[in-house]
C-alpha cells in the first residue's frame, strides 16, 4: 500500500466518524451551556474542551497564532448574523467568529456575489471566539481564517431562528460520488467559486472531488483552479481558507498549492476504487488521544485565559 493511499484511508475513516460528520447536524434555538470542567488546568485536559467553553473573544490586537489545525487567535470579531447579501446559519454553535481580516473578507465576498449571479451567502462555520480545536466538526478552522459557505443560494427572505438551526444545505454530489447532481448544480456555482478563488487573500478552497470534476469540465485550464483542492466530504459547502495576513509572523501559512489546474491524474486518483470503496483495515487503528494545550503555541494559553 502506498503512503498516499494509506493516508487517504486514514483520512476517510476520520471524516466518516461521528465527530467529523456534523456539518449538517441540526442546532437548537435553546442551546444548553456546557458544564464546567472539574480540573481545567490539568495537563491532560483536551484543548477542545477548553476552547469550546470560551464564549467571548480574547481582548487584544488581532493576531493568529500557529497553524490552521493547531492554533488560536486574539482580537476576534463576530460576523453579524444578517447582512445585505448574507445570513449566518447554525447560530447555536457560536462559530461565526474570525479575525477581522476574515470578517471583512466575508462581507466583501457577499457584496460581490450578485455579480456572479449568486443572490447571497449562507455562511456556515467560521471559528470559535478564540479559535482553537472544536468539540465537533473540524480539525482546522482554528486560526480565524477559515469559513464554510453553503452551496445553497440564499433565499429572498430572512430565515427564522428555527430555520437557521434546522434547514439543511443541498447535497451537490450524485449518490455514486462520481459526479455532481445535474439537478442541483448550476453555472452560478462555478461562477461563485471562481469569484472566490480569484480573490488574492484566498490560499485554498476545499470541495468534494465531484465538484472539482465539474469545475474542471466547465473551466479547465484556468489558473484559479489550482487553489481549488478536492477533499472528503464538502458536498454541501465549500471551505474557504485565507492566507496569513501580512505582518503576522506567528501565523503559519500552508505551502503554495501545486502548479497546474489539478484536473489530471491528481483528480482521477479521487475516483479510484480504493478511495471510493476503501477496504476496512484488518486491525482498526487506535484513536489518537485528543490534542492538549501542550500541542498548541504557547501564546494560546494566554489567549485562552485573556478577559
Protein backbone atom coordinates (compact mmCIF):
# COMPACT_ATOMS: atom_id res chain seq x y z
CA UNK A 1 0.00 0.00 0.00
CA UNK A 2 1.41 3.38 -0.99
CA UNK A 3 1.90 6.11 1.57
CA UNK A 4 -0.60 8.28 -0.28
CA UNK A 5 -3.29 5.59 -0.22
CA UNK A 6 -2.62 4.82 3.44
CA UNK A 7 -3.12 8.50 4.25
CA UNK A 8 -6.33 8.57 2.19
CA UNK A 9 -7.79 5.59 4.02
CA UNK A 10 -7.00 7.05 7.40
CA UNK A 11 -8.47 10.40 6.40
CA UNK A 12 -11.58 8.76 5.00
CA UNK A 13 -12.06 6.87 8.25
CA UNK A 14 -11.69 10.09 10.23
CA UNK A 15 -14.09 12.02 8.02
CA UNK A 16 -16.75 9.37 8.47
CA UNK A 17 -16.53 9.41 12.24
CA UNK A 18 -19.47 10.93 14.15
CA UNK A 19 -17.38 13.84 15.41
CA UNK A 20 -16.49 14.95 11.89
CA UNK A 21 -19.84 14.31 10.21
CA UNK A 22 -21.55 17.24 11.90
CA UNK A 23 -21.73 19.83 9.11
CA UNK A 24 -25.44 19.12 8.55
CA UNK A 25 -26.37 18.40 12.16
CA UNK A 26 -29.31 20.45 13.33
CA UNK A 27 -28.85 23.03 16.05
CA UNK A 28 -31.12 24.29 18.78
CA UNK A 29 -32.87 27.56 19.45
CA UNK A 30 -32.21 26.97 23.15
CA UNK A 31 -28.68 25.53 23.38
CA UNK A 32 -27.58 24.36 26.78
CA UNK A 33 -24.29 25.67 28.19
CA UNK A 34 -21.55 23.12 28.66
CA UNK A 35 -20.99 22.01 32.26
CA UNK A 36 -17.83 23.32 33.99
CA UNK A 37 -14.72 21.19 33.87
CA UNK A 38 -13.57 19.54 37.10
CA UNK A 39 -9.92 20.50 36.55
CA UNK A 40 -9.42 22.73 33.51
CA UNK A 41 -5.72 23.29 34.30
CA UNK A 42 -4.85 19.58 34.29
CA UNK A 43 -2.19 18.84 31.62
CA UNK A 44 -4.33 16.11 30.08
CA UNK A 45 -7.44 18.24 29.60
CA UNK A 46 -8.32 18.22 25.89
CA UNK A 47 -7.81 21.64 24.35
CA UNK A 48 -11.16 21.36 22.57
CA UNK A 49 -12.92 21.22 25.94
CA UNK A 50 -11.26 24.48 26.94
CA UNK A 51 -11.72 26.44 23.72
CA UNK A 52 -15.23 25.04 23.29
CA UNK A 53 -16.20 26.76 26.54
CA UNK A 54 -14.81 30.18 25.60
CA UNK A 55 -17.91 32.12 24.59
CA UNK A 56 -16.30 35.54 24.06
CA UNK A 57 -13.22 36.72 22.15
CA UNK A 58 -9.83 37.36 23.74
CA UNK A 59 -9.06 41.04 24.18
CA UNK A 60 -6.01 42.47 22.48
CA UNK A 61 -4.79 43.08 18.96
CA UNK A 62 -5.97 40.81 16.18
CA UNK A 63 -3.34 38.10 15.88
CA UNK A 64 -3.37 34.50 14.68
CA UNK A 65 -1.02 32.05 16.39
CA UNK A 66 0.10 28.73 14.95
CA UNK A 67 -1.29 26.72 12.05
CA UNK A 68 -4.76 26.11 10.69
CA UNK A 69 -5.10 22.82 12.61
CA UNK A 70 -3.06 23.80 15.70
CA UNK A 71 -3.69 27.39 16.60
CA UNK A 72 -5.82 30.16 18.05
CA UNK A 73 -6.30 33.92 17.73
CA UNK A 74 -6.90 37.05 19.76
CA UNK A 75 -8.90 40.16 18.91
CA UNK A 76 -11.64 38.17 17.20
CA UNK A 77 -14.82 39.62 15.75
CA UNK A 78 -18.20 38.05 15.07
CA UNK A 79 -19.70 38.26 11.61
CA UNK A 80 -23.11 39.97 12.01
CA UNK A 81 -25.79 37.29 11.68
CA UNK A 82 -27.50 39.27 8.89
CA UNK A 83 -26.12 41.38 6.08
CA UNK A 84 -27.45 42.67 2.79
CA UNK A 85 -26.08 39.62 0.98
CA UNK A 86 -25.51 37.04 3.71
CA UNK A 87 -27.13 35.11 6.55
CA UNK A 88 -25.34 33.10 9.23
CA UNK A 89 -26.63 29.58 9.82
CA UNK A 90 -26.48 27.37 12.96
CA UNK A 91 -26.24 30.28 15.39
CA UNK A 92 -26.34 27.91 18.36
CA UNK A 93 -22.80 26.75 17.55
CA UNK A 94 -21.34 30.22 18.19
CA UNK A 95 -18.90 29.69 15.33
CA UNK A 96 -19.44 32.94 13.44
CA UNK A 97 -16.13 34.34 14.73
CA UNK A 98 -12.88 35.11 13.00
CA UNK A 99 -10.05 37.57 12.75
CA UNK A 100 -11.22 40.98 11.49
CA UNK A 101 -9.37 40.05 8.29
CA UNK A 102 -11.76 37.12 7.72
CA UNK A 103 -14.90 39.02 8.74
CA UNK A 104 -14.04 41.80 6.30
CA UNK A 105 -13.37 39.25 3.55
CA UNK A 106 -16.75 37.52 4.01
CA UNK A 107 -18.60 40.83 3.89
CA UNK A 108 -16.78 41.87 0.70
CA UNK A 109 -17.32 38.48 -0.95
CA UNK A 110 -21.02 38.62 -0.11
CA UNK A 111 -21.25 42.08 -1.67
CA UNK A 112 -19.67 40.77 -4.88
CA UNK A 113 -21.70 37.53 -5.06
CA UNK A 114 -24.59 39.04 -7.08
CA UNK A 115 -22.11 39.91 -9.84
CA UNK A 116 -21.64 36.15 -10.25
CA UNK A 117 -25.39 35.54 -10.38
CA UNK A 118 -25.46 34.38 -6.75
CA UNK A 119 -28.09 36.08 -4.56
CA UNK A 120 -26.14 35.90 -1.30
CA UNK A 121 -24.15 33.69 1.04
CA UNK A 122 -25.42 31.24 3.62
CA UNK A 123 -22.47 31.21 6.00
CA UNK A 124 -21.70 28.05 7.94
CA UNK A 125 -18.90 27.54 10.43
CA UNK A 126 -16.11 30.05 10.78
CA UNK A 127 -14.25 29.74 14.11
CA UNK A 128 -14.95 29.77 17.82
CA UNK A 129 -14.49 33.14 19.59
CA UNK A 130 -10.83 32.37 20.33
CA UNK A 131 -10.28 29.72 17.69
CA UNK A 132 -8.57 26.56 18.84
CA UNK A 133 -9.79 22.97 18.44
CA UNK A 134 -13.55 22.41 18.23
CA UNK A 135 -15.57 19.85 20.14
CA UNK A 136 -17.12 18.60 16.87
CA UNK A 137 -16.93 19.11 13.17
CA UNK A 138 -13.47 20.31 12.13
CA UNK A 139 -9.78 19.66 12.51
CA UNK A 140 -8.96 23.10 11.13
CA UNK A 141 -10.86 26.43 11.47
CA UNK A 142 -8.58 27.25 14.41
CA UNK A 143 -6.88 30.47 13.24
CA UNK A 144 -9.90 32.60 12.43
CA UNK A 145 -9.02 32.37 8.73
CA UNK A 146 -11.43 29.63 7.54
CA UNK A 147 -15.10 29.84 6.60
CA UNK A 148 -17.61 27.37 5.17
CA UNK A 149 -20.10 28.75 2.64
CA UNK A 150 -23.13 26.65 1.79
CA UNK A 151 -23.68 25.72 -1.84
CA UNK A 152 -27.36 26.56 -1.35
CA UNK A 153 -28.20 30.05 -2.63
CA UNK A 154 -29.58 32.49 -0.09
CA UNK A 155 -33.36 32.87 -0.44
CA UNK A 156 -35.03 36.21 -0.98
CA UNK A 157 -36.18 36.38 2.64
CA UNK A 158 -34.66 36.13 6.09
CA UNK A 159 -34.61 32.71 7.70
CA UNK A 160 -36.19 32.46 11.11
CA UNK A 161 -34.04 31.35 14.01
CA UNK A 162 -35.59 27.88 13.85
CA UNK A 163 -34.91 27.64 10.11
CA UNK A 164 -31.28 28.60 10.65
CA UNK A 165 -30.92 25.70 13.07
CA UNK A 166 -32.84 23.04 11.14
CA UNK A 167 -32.56 23.82 7.42
CA UNK A 168 -30.13 21.53 5.62
CA UNK A 169 -27.88 22.53 2.76
CA UNK A 170 -28.27 20.90 -0.63
CA UNK A 171 -26.09 17.90 -1.49
CA UNK A 172 -24.36 18.70 -4.79
CA UNK A 173 -22.99 15.19 -5.39
CA UNK A 174 -24.60 12.16 -7.03
CA UNK A 175 -25.16 9.15 -4.76
CA UNK A 176 -22.39 7.21 -6.55
CA UNK A 177 -19.98 10.12 -5.78
CA UNK A 178 -18.65 10.08 -9.34
CA UNK A 179 -20.01 13.47 -10.40
CA UNK A 180 -22.21 16.36 -9.39
CA UNK A 181 -26.01 16.06 -9.39
CA UNK A 182 -27.11 17.91 -12.56
CA UNK A 183 -30.50 18.56 -10.98
CA UNK A 184 -28.99 20.95 -8.43
CA UNK A 185 -25.63 22.10 -9.83
CA UNK A 186 -25.78 25.29 -11.91
CA UNK A 187 -23.34 27.55 -13.79
CA UNK A 188 -23.76 30.05 -10.94
CA UNK A 189 -21.99 27.60 -8.61
CA UNK A 190 -18.95 27.69 -10.87
CA UNK A 191 -19.05 31.47 -11.09
CA UNK A 192 -19.27 31.84 -7.30
CA UNK A 193 -16.32 29.52 -6.65
CA UNK A 194 -14.31 31.22 -9.39
CA UNK A 195 -15.06 34.64 -7.90
CA UNK A 196 -13.84 33.37 -4.53
CA UNK A 197 -10.69 31.72 -5.86
CA UNK A 198 -9.69 34.86 -7.75
CA UNK A 199 -9.51 36.90 -4.56
CA UNK A 200 -5.83 37.41 -3.66
CA UNK A 201 -6.37 36.66 0.05
CA UNK A 202 -7.59 33.12 -0.68
CA UNK A 203 -4.99 30.38 -0.22
CA UNK A 204 -7.18 27.28 -0.62
CA UNK A 205 -10.73 26.24 -1.41
CA UNK A 206 -11.79 22.72 -0.46
CA UNK A 207 -14.61 20.97 -2.32
CA UNK A 208 -15.78 17.42 -2.92
CA UNK A 209 -13.85 15.73 -5.72
CA UNK A 210 -17.03 15.51 -7.80
CA UNK A 211 -17.37 19.28 -7.57
CA UNK A 212 -13.76 19.70 -8.63
CA UNK A 213 -14.52 17.47 -11.61
CA UNK A 214 -17.42 19.71 -12.60
CA UNK A 215 -15.24 22.81 -12.28
CA UNK A 216 -12.56 21.21 -14.44
CA UNK A 217 -15.14 20.34 -17.07
CA UNK A 218 -16.51 23.89 -17.10
CA UNK A 219 -13.28 25.86 -16.66
CA UNK A 220 -10.35 23.50 -17.25
CA UNK A 221 -7.04 25.25 -17.72
CA UNK A 222 -7.98 28.29 -15.65
CA UNK A 223 -5.26 29.41 -13.24
CA UNK A 224 -7.71 29.88 -10.36
CA UNK A 225 -8.46 26.15 -10.33
CA UNK A 226 -5.08 25.46 -8.70
CA UNK A 227 -6.46 26.85 -5.43
CA UNK A 228 -9.47 24.51 -5.51
CA UNK A 229 -8.48 21.22 -3.90
CA UNK A 230 -10.54 18.02 -3.58
CA UNK A 231 -11.30 16.84 -0.06
CA UNK A 232 -13.51 14.23 1.59
CA UNK A 233 -16.99 15.47 2.40
CA UNK A 234 -17.60 19.05 1.28
CA UNK A 235 -20.57 18.09 -0.89
CA UNK A 236 -22.85 20.64 0.81
CA UNK A 237 -20.48 23.58 1.15
CA UNK A 238 -17.14 24.91 0.02
CA UNK A 239 -14.42 25.71 2.53
CA UNK A 240 -12.51 28.97 2.05
CA UNK A 241 -9.08 29.35 3.66
CA UNK A 242 -7.32 32.69 3.70
CA UNK A 243 -3.56 33.08 3.75
CA UNK A 244 -1.99 34.58 6.85
CA UNK A 245 -2.25 38.38 6.82
CA UNK A 246 0.92 40.32 6.12
CA UNK A 247 3.00 41.13 9.17
CA UNK A 248 1.71 38.26 11.32
CA UNK A 249 4.84 36.20 11.84
CA UNK A 250 3.20 33.95 14.44
CA UNK A 251 0.72 32.71 11.82
CA UNK A 252 1.92 29.68 9.81
CA UNK A 253 0.89 29.53 6.16
CA UNK A 254 0.50 26.35 4.17
CA UNK A 255 2.85 25.68 1.30
CA UNK A 256 1.50 27.06 -2.00
CA UNK A 257 -0.77 24.66 -3.92
CA UNK A 258 0.83 22.57 -6.68
CA UNK A 259 1.06 24.16 -10.10
CA UNK A 260 -1.42 23.46 -12.87
CA UNK A 261 -5.19 23.23 -12.63
CA UNK A 262 -5.27 19.92 -10.72
CA UNK A 263 -7.59 18.34 -13.31
CA UNK A 264 -5.43 15.44 -14.50
CA UNK A 265 -4.13 12.33 -12.76
CA UNK A 266 -4.28 14.03 -9.39
CA UNK A 267 -8.07 14.32 -9.71
CA UNK A 268 -8.52 10.86 -11.23
CA UNK A 269 -6.98 9.39 -8.07
CA UNK A 270 -10.01 10.53 -6.05
CA UNK A 271 -12.32 8.39 -8.19
CA UNK A 272 -10.29 5.19 -7.89
CA UNK A 273 -11.99 2.20 -6.31
CA UNK A 274 -9.52 2.23 -3.44
CA UNK A 275 -10.63 5.75 -2.48
CA UNK A 276 -14.35 5.46 -3.23
CA UNK A 277 -14.70 2.00 -1.69
CA UNK A 278 -11.80 1.54 0.73
CA UNK A 279 -11.46 -1.83 2.39
CA UNK A 280 -11.60 -1.66 6.16
CA UNK A 281 -8.21 -2.19 7.80
CA UNK A 282 -7.58 -5.65 9.23
CA UNK A 283 -6.68 -4.04 12.52
CA UNK A 284 -8.64 -0.94 13.37
CA UNK A 285 -6.21 1.84 14.27
CA UNK A 286 -6.37 3.16 17.79
CA UNK A 287 -7.96 6.59 18.03
CA UNK A 288 -5.47 9.36 18.62
CA UNK A 289 -5.62 10.96 22.03
CA UNK A 290 -7.22 14.42 21.95
CA UNK A 291 -4.95 17.40 21.46
CA UNK A 292 -3.92 19.14 24.68
CA UNK A 293 -2.66 22.66 25.22
CA UNK A 294 0.91 21.34 25.01
CA UNK A 295 0.42 20.81 21.26
CA UNK A 296 -0.62 24.41 20.65
CA UNK A 297 1.58 27.52 20.53
CA UNK A 298 2.45 28.85 23.97
CA UNK A 299 0.59 32.07 23.15
CA UNK A 300 -2.67 30.11 23.05
CA UNK A 301 -2.55 29.70 26.84
CA UNK A 302 -2.57 33.49 27.14
CA UNK A 303 -5.37 33.73 24.57
CA UNK A 304 -7.43 31.19 26.47
CA UNK A 305 -7.08 32.95 29.82
CA UNK A 306 -7.50 36.52 28.50
CA UNK A 307 -10.51 38.52 29.66
